Structure formats: C-alpha cells, structure tokens
N, C-alpha and C. Protein backbone atom coordinates (compact mmCIF):
# COMPACT_ATOMS: atom_id res chain seq x y z
N MET A 1 49.89 -106.15 19.40
CA MET A 1 48.58 -106.11 20.03
C MET A 1 47.59 -106.97 19.23
N HIS A 2 46.92 -107.88 19.88
CA HIS A 2 45.88 -108.65 19.25
C HIS A 2 44.57 -108.44 20.10
N LYS A 3 43.68 -107.63 19.44
CA LYS A 3 42.53 -107.14 20.18
C LYS A 3 41.28 -107.18 19.34
N VAL A 4 40.18 -107.56 19.97
CA VAL A 4 38.87 -107.39 19.37
C VAL A 4 38.13 -106.37 20.13
N ILE A 5 37.53 -105.41 19.39
CA ILE A 5 36.65 -104.43 19.98
C ILE A 5 35.27 -104.65 19.53
N ILE A 6 34.37 -104.84 20.46
CA ILE A 6 32.95 -105.06 20.18
C ILE A 6 32.22 -103.76 20.43
N LEU A 7 31.77 -103.14 19.37
CA LEU A 7 31.03 -101.88 19.54
C LEU A 7 29.57 -102.22 19.76
N ARG A 8 28.94 -101.51 20.65
CA ARG A 8 27.50 -101.75 21.05
C ARG A 8 26.80 -100.41 21.02
N GLY A 9 25.63 -100.38 20.49
CA GLY A 9 24.80 -99.11 20.50
C GLY A 9 23.71 -99.22 19.52
N VAL A 10 22.68 -98.41 19.75
CA VAL A 10 21.54 -98.43 18.81
C VAL A 10 21.96 -97.80 17.52
N SER A 11 21.08 -98.00 16.49
CA SER A 11 21.30 -97.43 15.18
C SER A 11 21.46 -95.90 15.32
N GLY A 12 22.45 -95.36 14.61
CA GLY A 12 22.63 -93.93 14.63
C GLY A 12 23.43 -93.35 15.83
N SER A 13 23.86 -94.23 16.70
CA SER A 13 24.58 -93.74 17.91
C SER A 13 26.05 -93.39 17.63
N GLY A 14 26.57 -93.78 16.49
CA GLY A 14 27.96 -93.47 16.14
C GLY A 14 28.90 -94.60 16.14
N LYS A 15 28.38 -95.81 16.09
CA LYS A 15 29.26 -97.01 16.08
C LYS A 15 30.16 -97.02 14.86
N SER A 16 29.63 -96.81 13.70
CA SER A 16 30.45 -96.91 12.49
C SER A 16 31.53 -95.74 12.46
N THR A 17 31.14 -94.61 12.95
CA THR A 17 32.10 -93.46 13.07
C THR A 17 33.26 -93.87 13.99
N LYS A 18 32.91 -94.43 15.13
CA LYS A 18 33.86 -94.91 16.08
C LYS A 18 34.75 -95.98 15.46
N ALA A 19 34.14 -96.95 14.77
CA ALA A 19 34.88 -98.00 14.10
C ALA A 19 35.92 -97.46 13.17
N HIS A 20 35.50 -96.46 12.35
CA HIS A 20 36.46 -95.86 11.43
C HIS A 20 37.60 -95.12 12.09
N GLU A 21 37.26 -94.47 13.21
CA GLU A 21 38.33 -93.74 13.98
C GLU A 21 39.33 -94.77 14.50
N LEU A 22 38.86 -95.93 15.07
CA LEU A 22 39.75 -96.91 15.60
C LEU A 22 40.58 -97.55 14.52
N PHE A 23 39.92 -97.82 13.36
CA PHE A 23 40.61 -98.39 12.19
C PHE A 23 41.76 -97.44 11.73
N HIS A 24 41.44 -96.20 11.58
CA HIS A 24 42.41 -95.24 11.13
C HIS A 24 43.62 -95.14 12.06
N SER A 25 43.33 -95.10 13.34
CA SER A 25 44.35 -95.09 14.37
C SER A 25 45.24 -96.29 14.29
N ALA A 26 44.70 -97.46 14.09
CA ALA A 26 45.45 -98.71 13.97
C ALA A 26 46.31 -98.65 12.71
N CYS A 27 45.78 -98.21 11.64
CA CYS A 27 46.55 -98.13 10.40
C CYS A 27 47.74 -97.17 10.55
N VAL A 28 47.50 -96.01 11.12
CA VAL A 28 48.57 -95.06 11.33
C VAL A 28 49.73 -95.63 12.18
N ASN A 29 49.32 -96.53 13.10
CA ASN A 29 50.34 -97.17 13.93
C ASN A 29 50.93 -98.41 13.28
N GLY A 30 50.57 -98.67 12.01
CA GLY A 30 51.16 -99.80 11.29
C GLY A 30 50.54 -101.16 11.67
N GLU A 31 49.42 -101.17 12.31
CA GLU A 31 48.76 -102.41 12.73
C GLU A 31 47.80 -102.90 11.64
N SER A 32 47.71 -104.19 11.51
CA SER A 32 46.67 -104.68 10.58
C SER A 32 45.30 -104.54 11.29
N CYS A 33 44.26 -104.27 10.53
CA CYS A 33 42.99 -103.96 11.16
C CYS A 33 41.88 -104.25 10.16
N ILE A 34 40.71 -104.67 10.69
CA ILE A 34 39.57 -104.92 9.91
C ILE A 34 38.30 -104.53 10.64
N ILE A 35 37.29 -104.04 9.94
CA ILE A 35 35.98 -103.74 10.55
C ILE A 35 35.04 -104.83 9.98
N CYS A 36 34.34 -105.48 10.87
CA CYS A 36 33.36 -106.52 10.51
C CYS A 36 31.96 -105.94 10.83
N SER A 37 31.09 -105.92 9.84
CA SER A 37 29.77 -105.41 10.06
C SER A 37 28.83 -106.09 9.14
N ALA A 38 27.67 -106.58 9.73
CA ALA A 38 26.64 -107.20 8.93
C ALA A 38 26.05 -106.24 7.91
N ASP A 39 26.10 -104.95 8.19
CA ASP A 39 25.55 -103.92 7.30
C ASP A 39 26.30 -104.03 5.88
N ASP A 40 27.54 -104.45 5.88
CA ASP A 40 28.25 -104.50 4.65
C ASP A 40 27.59 -105.41 3.64
N TYR A 41 26.78 -106.32 4.09
CA TYR A 41 26.13 -107.28 3.23
C TYR A 41 24.69 -106.89 2.84
N MET A 42 24.31 -105.66 3.18
CA MET A 42 23.04 -105.12 2.79
C MET A 42 23.15 -104.08 1.70
N ILE A 43 24.28 -104.10 1.02
CA ILE A 43 24.48 -103.17 -0.11
C ILE A 43 23.94 -103.75 -1.36
N ASN A 44 23.10 -102.96 -2.06
CA ASN A 44 22.48 -103.46 -3.26
C ASN A 44 23.41 -103.29 -4.47
N ALA A 45 22.92 -103.67 -5.64
CA ALA A 45 23.72 -103.63 -6.85
C ALA A 45 24.18 -102.25 -7.25
N LEU A 46 23.45 -101.24 -6.77
CA LEU A 46 23.79 -99.84 -7.02
C LEU A 46 24.77 -99.25 -6.03
N GLY A 47 25.14 -100.05 -5.06
CA GLY A 47 26.10 -99.63 -4.00
C GLY A 47 25.44 -98.92 -2.90
N LYS A 48 24.12 -99.00 -2.75
CA LYS A 48 23.40 -98.32 -1.68
C LYS A 48 22.92 -99.36 -0.67
N TYR A 49 22.88 -98.88 0.59
CA TYR A 49 22.38 -99.73 1.69
C TYR A 49 20.88 -99.93 1.50
N GLU A 50 20.48 -101.20 1.57
CA GLU A 50 19.04 -101.54 1.43
C GLU A 50 18.77 -102.65 2.43
N PHE A 51 18.07 -102.30 3.48
CA PHE A 51 17.75 -103.28 4.51
C PHE A 51 16.76 -104.29 3.95
N ASN A 52 17.09 -105.55 4.12
CA ASN A 52 16.21 -106.65 3.70
C ASN A 52 16.14 -107.67 4.79
N PRO A 53 15.07 -107.72 5.57
CA PRO A 53 14.97 -108.64 6.73
C PRO A 53 15.18 -110.11 6.30
N LYS A 54 14.83 -110.47 5.08
CA LYS A 54 15.02 -111.81 4.60
C LYS A 54 16.52 -112.17 4.47
N LYS A 55 17.36 -111.18 4.35
CA LYS A 55 18.82 -111.45 4.21
C LYS A 55 19.58 -111.32 5.54
N LEU A 56 18.86 -110.99 6.60
CA LEU A 56 19.50 -110.70 7.89
C LEU A 56 20.43 -111.84 8.39
N GLN A 57 19.87 -113.05 8.43
CA GLN A 57 20.68 -114.19 8.88
C GLN A 57 21.87 -114.43 7.96
N GLN A 58 21.65 -114.28 6.72
CA GLN A 58 22.79 -114.49 5.73
C GLN A 58 23.87 -113.41 5.96
N CYS A 59 23.45 -112.16 6.25
CA CYS A 59 24.40 -111.10 6.46
C CYS A 59 25.22 -111.31 7.73
N HIS A 60 24.56 -111.80 8.77
CA HIS A 60 25.26 -112.06 10.05
C HIS A 60 26.19 -113.26 9.90
N THR A 61 25.79 -114.25 9.13
CA THR A 61 26.69 -115.41 8.91
C THR A 61 27.93 -114.99 8.13
N ALA A 62 27.76 -114.10 7.14
CA ALA A 62 28.91 -113.57 6.38
C ALA A 62 29.83 -112.78 7.29
N CYS A 63 29.22 -111.95 8.17
CA CYS A 63 30.02 -111.14 9.08
C CYS A 63 30.84 -112.05 10.02
N GLN A 64 30.19 -113.08 10.49
CA GLN A 64 30.89 -114.07 11.41
C GLN A 64 32.09 -114.74 10.69
N LEU A 65 31.89 -115.07 9.43
CA LEU A 65 32.97 -115.70 8.65
C LEU A 65 34.16 -114.75 8.47
N VAL A 66 33.89 -113.52 8.17
CA VAL A 66 34.99 -112.51 7.98
C VAL A 66 35.69 -112.34 9.30
N PHE A 67 34.91 -112.29 10.41
CA PHE A 67 35.46 -112.08 11.74
C PHE A 67 36.42 -113.23 12.09
N VAL A 68 35.94 -114.48 11.89
CA VAL A 68 36.75 -115.66 12.27
C VAL A 68 38.03 -115.72 11.36
N ASN A 69 37.88 -115.41 10.06
CA ASN A 69 39.00 -115.41 9.20
C ASN A 69 40.01 -114.31 9.62
N ALA A 70 39.59 -113.22 10.09
CA ALA A 70 40.52 -112.19 10.59
C ALA A 70 41.31 -112.73 11.77
N LEU A 71 40.61 -113.42 12.64
CA LEU A 71 41.36 -114.01 13.82
C LEU A 71 42.38 -115.01 13.37
N ILE A 72 42.00 -115.88 12.43
CA ILE A 72 42.87 -116.92 11.90
C ILE A 72 44.06 -116.27 11.23
N ASP A 73 43.79 -115.14 10.49
CA ASP A 73 44.87 -114.47 9.78
C ASP A 73 45.75 -113.58 10.69
N ASP A 74 45.46 -113.62 12.02
CA ASP A 74 46.24 -112.96 12.98
C ASP A 74 46.22 -111.41 12.86
N VAL A 75 45.06 -110.89 12.44
CA VAL A 75 44.91 -109.46 12.33
C VAL A 75 45.03 -108.81 13.71
N ASN A 76 45.75 -107.72 13.82
CA ASN A 76 46.05 -107.09 15.09
C ASN A 76 44.78 -106.57 15.78
N LEU A 77 43.94 -105.87 15.05
CA LEU A 77 42.75 -105.26 15.64
C LEU A 77 41.54 -105.64 14.80
N VAL A 78 40.56 -106.31 15.39
CA VAL A 78 39.36 -106.71 14.69
C VAL A 78 38.18 -105.92 15.45
N ILE A 79 37.47 -105.16 14.66
CA ILE A 79 36.42 -104.30 15.17
C ILE A 79 35.06 -104.89 14.75
N LEU A 80 34.23 -105.17 15.65
CA LEU A 80 32.81 -105.63 15.35
C LEU A 80 31.89 -104.43 15.41
N ASP A 81 31.30 -104.06 14.30
CA ASP A 81 30.40 -102.93 14.17
C ASP A 81 28.99 -103.35 13.92
N ASN A 82 28.33 -103.89 14.92
CA ASN A 82 26.89 -104.26 14.83
C ASN A 82 26.21 -103.66 16.05
N THR A 83 24.89 -103.66 16.09
CA THR A 83 24.24 -103.00 17.24
C THR A 83 24.51 -103.73 18.53
N ASN A 84 24.51 -105.04 18.52
CA ASN A 84 24.85 -105.82 19.74
C ASN A 84 24.10 -105.32 20.97
N THR A 85 22.79 -105.11 20.87
CA THR A 85 22.01 -104.59 22.00
C THR A 85 21.88 -105.57 23.10
N GLN A 86 21.87 -106.85 22.76
CA GLN A 86 21.78 -107.90 23.77
C GLN A 86 23.00 -108.80 23.71
N LYS A 87 23.39 -109.32 24.87
CA LYS A 87 24.60 -110.06 24.99
C LYS A 87 24.67 -111.29 24.04
N TRP A 88 23.58 -111.94 23.89
CA TRP A 88 23.56 -113.17 23.04
C TRP A 88 23.94 -112.80 21.59
N GLU A 89 23.75 -111.53 21.18
CA GLU A 89 24.06 -111.12 19.85
C GLU A 89 25.50 -111.05 19.50
N TYR A 90 26.35 -110.87 20.52
CA TYR A 90 27.78 -110.86 20.31
C TYR A 90 28.56 -111.95 21.02
N TYR A 91 27.80 -112.84 21.66
CA TYR A 91 28.49 -113.91 22.37
C TYR A 91 29.33 -114.80 21.47
N TYR A 92 28.88 -115.11 20.27
CA TYR A 92 29.65 -115.87 19.35
C TYR A 92 31.04 -115.29 19.11
N TYR A 93 31.03 -113.94 18.85
CA TYR A 93 32.27 -113.22 18.58
C TYR A 93 33.21 -113.25 19.83
N LEU A 94 32.60 -113.01 20.98
CA LEU A 94 33.38 -112.97 22.21
C LEU A 94 34.01 -114.29 22.42
N LYS A 95 33.24 -115.36 22.28
CA LYS A 95 33.76 -116.76 22.48
C LYS A 95 34.88 -117.10 21.51
N LYS A 96 34.71 -116.70 20.25
CA LYS A 96 35.79 -116.98 19.23
C LYS A 96 37.00 -116.19 19.55
N ALA A 97 36.86 -114.92 19.93
CA ALA A 97 38.02 -114.07 20.22
C ALA A 97 38.81 -114.63 21.40
N VAL A 98 38.16 -115.01 22.44
CA VAL A 98 38.77 -115.50 23.61
C VAL A 98 39.49 -116.83 23.29
N SER A 99 38.83 -117.69 22.46
CA SER A 99 39.44 -118.98 22.12
C SER A 99 40.72 -118.81 21.30
N MET A 100 40.77 -117.66 20.58
CA MET A 100 42.00 -117.40 19.82
C MET A 100 43.00 -116.48 20.50
N HIS A 101 42.80 -116.31 21.81
CA HIS A 101 43.71 -115.55 22.69
C HIS A 101 43.77 -114.06 22.33
N TYR A 102 42.67 -113.51 21.92
CA TYR A 102 42.58 -112.08 21.68
C TYR A 102 42.11 -111.38 22.95
N GLU A 103 42.63 -110.22 23.18
CA GLU A 103 42.07 -109.35 24.24
C GLU A 103 40.73 -108.83 23.70
N VAL A 104 39.71 -108.72 24.55
CA VAL A 104 38.39 -108.24 24.09
C VAL A 104 38.00 -107.00 24.88
N GLU A 105 37.57 -106.02 24.16
CA GLU A 105 37.08 -104.79 24.83
C GLU A 105 35.66 -104.49 24.20
N GLU A 106 34.74 -104.23 25.12
CA GLU A 106 33.39 -103.77 24.65
C GLU A 106 33.32 -102.27 24.80
N ILE A 107 32.82 -101.60 23.81
CA ILE A 107 32.67 -100.14 23.87
C ILE A 107 31.18 -99.83 23.55
N ILE A 108 30.51 -99.25 24.52
CA ILE A 108 29.13 -98.80 24.31
C ILE A 108 29.19 -97.40 23.75
N VAL A 109 28.54 -97.22 22.62
CA VAL A 109 28.50 -95.93 21.91
C VAL A 109 27.12 -95.29 22.09
N GLY A 110 27.09 -94.09 22.59
CA GLY A 110 25.80 -93.40 22.76
C GLY A 110 25.12 -93.81 24.04
N ASN A 111 23.84 -93.45 24.12
CA ASN A 111 23.04 -93.74 25.31
C ASN A 111 21.58 -93.88 24.90
N SER A 112 20.78 -94.30 25.82
CA SER A 112 19.33 -94.50 25.53
C SER A 112 18.47 -93.26 25.49
N GLN A 113 19.08 -92.13 25.91
CA GLN A 113 18.27 -90.92 26.05
C GLN A 113 18.21 -90.15 24.75
N ASP A 114 19.16 -90.34 23.83
CA ASP A 114 19.25 -89.57 22.62
C ASP A 114 18.65 -90.24 21.38
N VAL A 115 17.67 -91.07 21.57
CA VAL A 115 17.13 -91.85 20.42
C VAL A 115 16.60 -90.99 19.28
N GLU A 116 16.05 -89.84 19.62
CA GLU A 116 15.47 -88.94 18.53
C GLU A 116 16.65 -88.43 17.70
N LEU A 117 17.76 -88.03 18.29
CA LEU A 117 18.94 -87.60 17.59
C LEU A 117 19.49 -88.72 16.68
N TYR A 118 19.53 -89.92 17.26
CA TYR A 118 20.01 -91.03 16.48
C TYR A 118 19.15 -91.40 15.28
N ALA A 119 17.83 -91.24 15.47
CA ALA A 119 16.90 -91.47 14.32
C ALA A 119 17.13 -90.44 13.24
N MET A 120 17.45 -89.19 13.57
CA MET A 120 17.68 -88.18 12.58
C MET A 120 19.02 -88.43 11.83
N ARG A 121 20.01 -88.93 12.53
CA ARG A 121 21.35 -88.98 11.91
C ARG A 121 21.75 -90.38 11.40
N ASN A 122 20.95 -91.41 11.71
CA ASN A 122 21.40 -92.73 11.25
C ASN A 122 21.36 -92.78 9.69
N THR A 123 22.31 -93.45 9.10
CA THR A 123 22.48 -93.42 7.68
C THR A 123 21.64 -94.51 6.96
N HIS A 124 20.98 -95.36 7.75
CA HIS A 124 20.20 -96.45 7.15
C HIS A 124 18.71 -96.27 7.26
N ASN A 125 18.36 -95.06 7.61
CA ASN A 125 16.88 -94.70 7.72
C ASN A 125 16.09 -95.63 8.66
N VAL A 126 16.72 -96.03 9.72
CA VAL A 126 16.03 -96.84 10.75
C VAL A 126 15.02 -95.91 11.42
N PRO A 127 13.74 -96.29 11.49
CA PRO A 127 12.69 -95.46 12.06
C PRO A 127 12.94 -95.26 13.59
N LEU A 128 12.43 -94.12 14.07
CA LEU A 128 12.52 -93.82 15.51
C LEU A 128 11.97 -94.93 16.36
N GLU A 129 10.83 -95.48 16.03
CA GLU A 129 10.28 -96.54 16.82
C GLU A 129 11.16 -97.76 16.91
N SER A 130 11.83 -98.10 15.85
CA SER A 130 12.78 -99.21 15.86
C SER A 130 13.99 -98.90 16.79
N ILE A 131 14.43 -97.69 16.77
CA ILE A 131 15.60 -97.31 17.60
C ILE A 131 15.18 -97.31 19.07
N LYS A 132 13.93 -96.83 19.33
CA LYS A 132 13.40 -96.90 20.71
C LYS A 132 13.39 -98.37 21.24
N LYS A 133 12.96 -99.28 20.37
CA LYS A 133 12.97 -100.68 20.75
C LYS A 133 14.36 -101.21 21.03
N GLN A 134 15.28 -100.81 20.24
CA GLN A 134 16.70 -101.20 20.44
C GLN A 134 17.16 -100.70 21.82
N ALA A 135 16.82 -99.44 22.09
CA ALA A 135 17.29 -98.86 23.40
C ALA A 135 16.62 -99.58 24.55
N GLN A 136 15.32 -99.98 24.39
CA GLN A 136 14.60 -100.65 25.48
C GLN A 136 15.17 -102.01 25.79
N ARG A 137 15.64 -102.74 24.75
CA ARG A 137 16.17 -104.08 25.01
C ARG A 137 17.70 -104.15 25.24
N PHE A 138 18.31 -102.95 25.26
CA PHE A 138 19.79 -102.88 25.43
C PHE A 138 20.17 -103.47 26.84
N GLU A 139 21.03 -104.42 26.79
CA GLU A 139 21.54 -105.04 28.05
C GLU A 139 22.94 -104.46 28.40
N MET A 140 23.06 -104.09 29.65
CA MET A 140 24.36 -103.60 30.10
C MET A 140 25.26 -104.78 30.46
C-alpha cells in the first residue's frame, strides 16, 4: 500500500491523536509510516511546543521537505498532520502525492460546532477565538 492521508481539522479537534492511531496501525501491520507535521518544528530547546509566527513559513517548508523525502523513500503510509483548513494549504502535498502515484485520502477530524471543547483540549494553547476563525474559514 502506498498512501497519503491528509488530516484536516481545527486545532484541538484530534488530528494528532488520529495520526498516531493510523501510525500505530501501520506499524503493527509491518508497513513503513511517517507523520509529517509543521508543529514538529515549533519545539523549543527545552523540548516544549512554542508557537512562533515568525517561524511559520520555515516550519511548513521543513514539513514539505520531510513529506517529499518520504515519498521518494517509498514509505508505505505518509500522514500529513496540519490544520489544512483551506484547500490551498494542502494542495502542494496532494499534487506531490499524486505525481508519485500515491493513493490520497482526506480525513476531516472533528466539526465546527465543538470549538469550545477543542479550545479546552488543544495541547498548543491555541485561543478559542483563533479556533473559531479556523472553523469559519474551513473549506469542505
């Protein structure tokens, strides 16, 4: 199986939890697997997540590089774990996956009604107002 799964959802909706479930399942089945997330590049020297808007483009560029290298390395399952609220945000990944003959599946995690719950449980302390904005701009 050569598949890319693009997870989509607002902060706190459960994308990373879903990504880890998919990763674990693939590993149990003996498949090579990787999770690509721009959040991985927001970890500070103490090993804690620290959002820095000045680093956002750099983090997404690094995520794209890891993603493309996984495709080149013929990884069986490549999971994209970013918010991807608008289609242009994941178009690069979709285009690359298709060009490398990967099957692509989009999975929407959560919904726009539970934003208060997501604000309480998100691990990156994204404020409720920011999550509401993510939900408002979410493209189906």
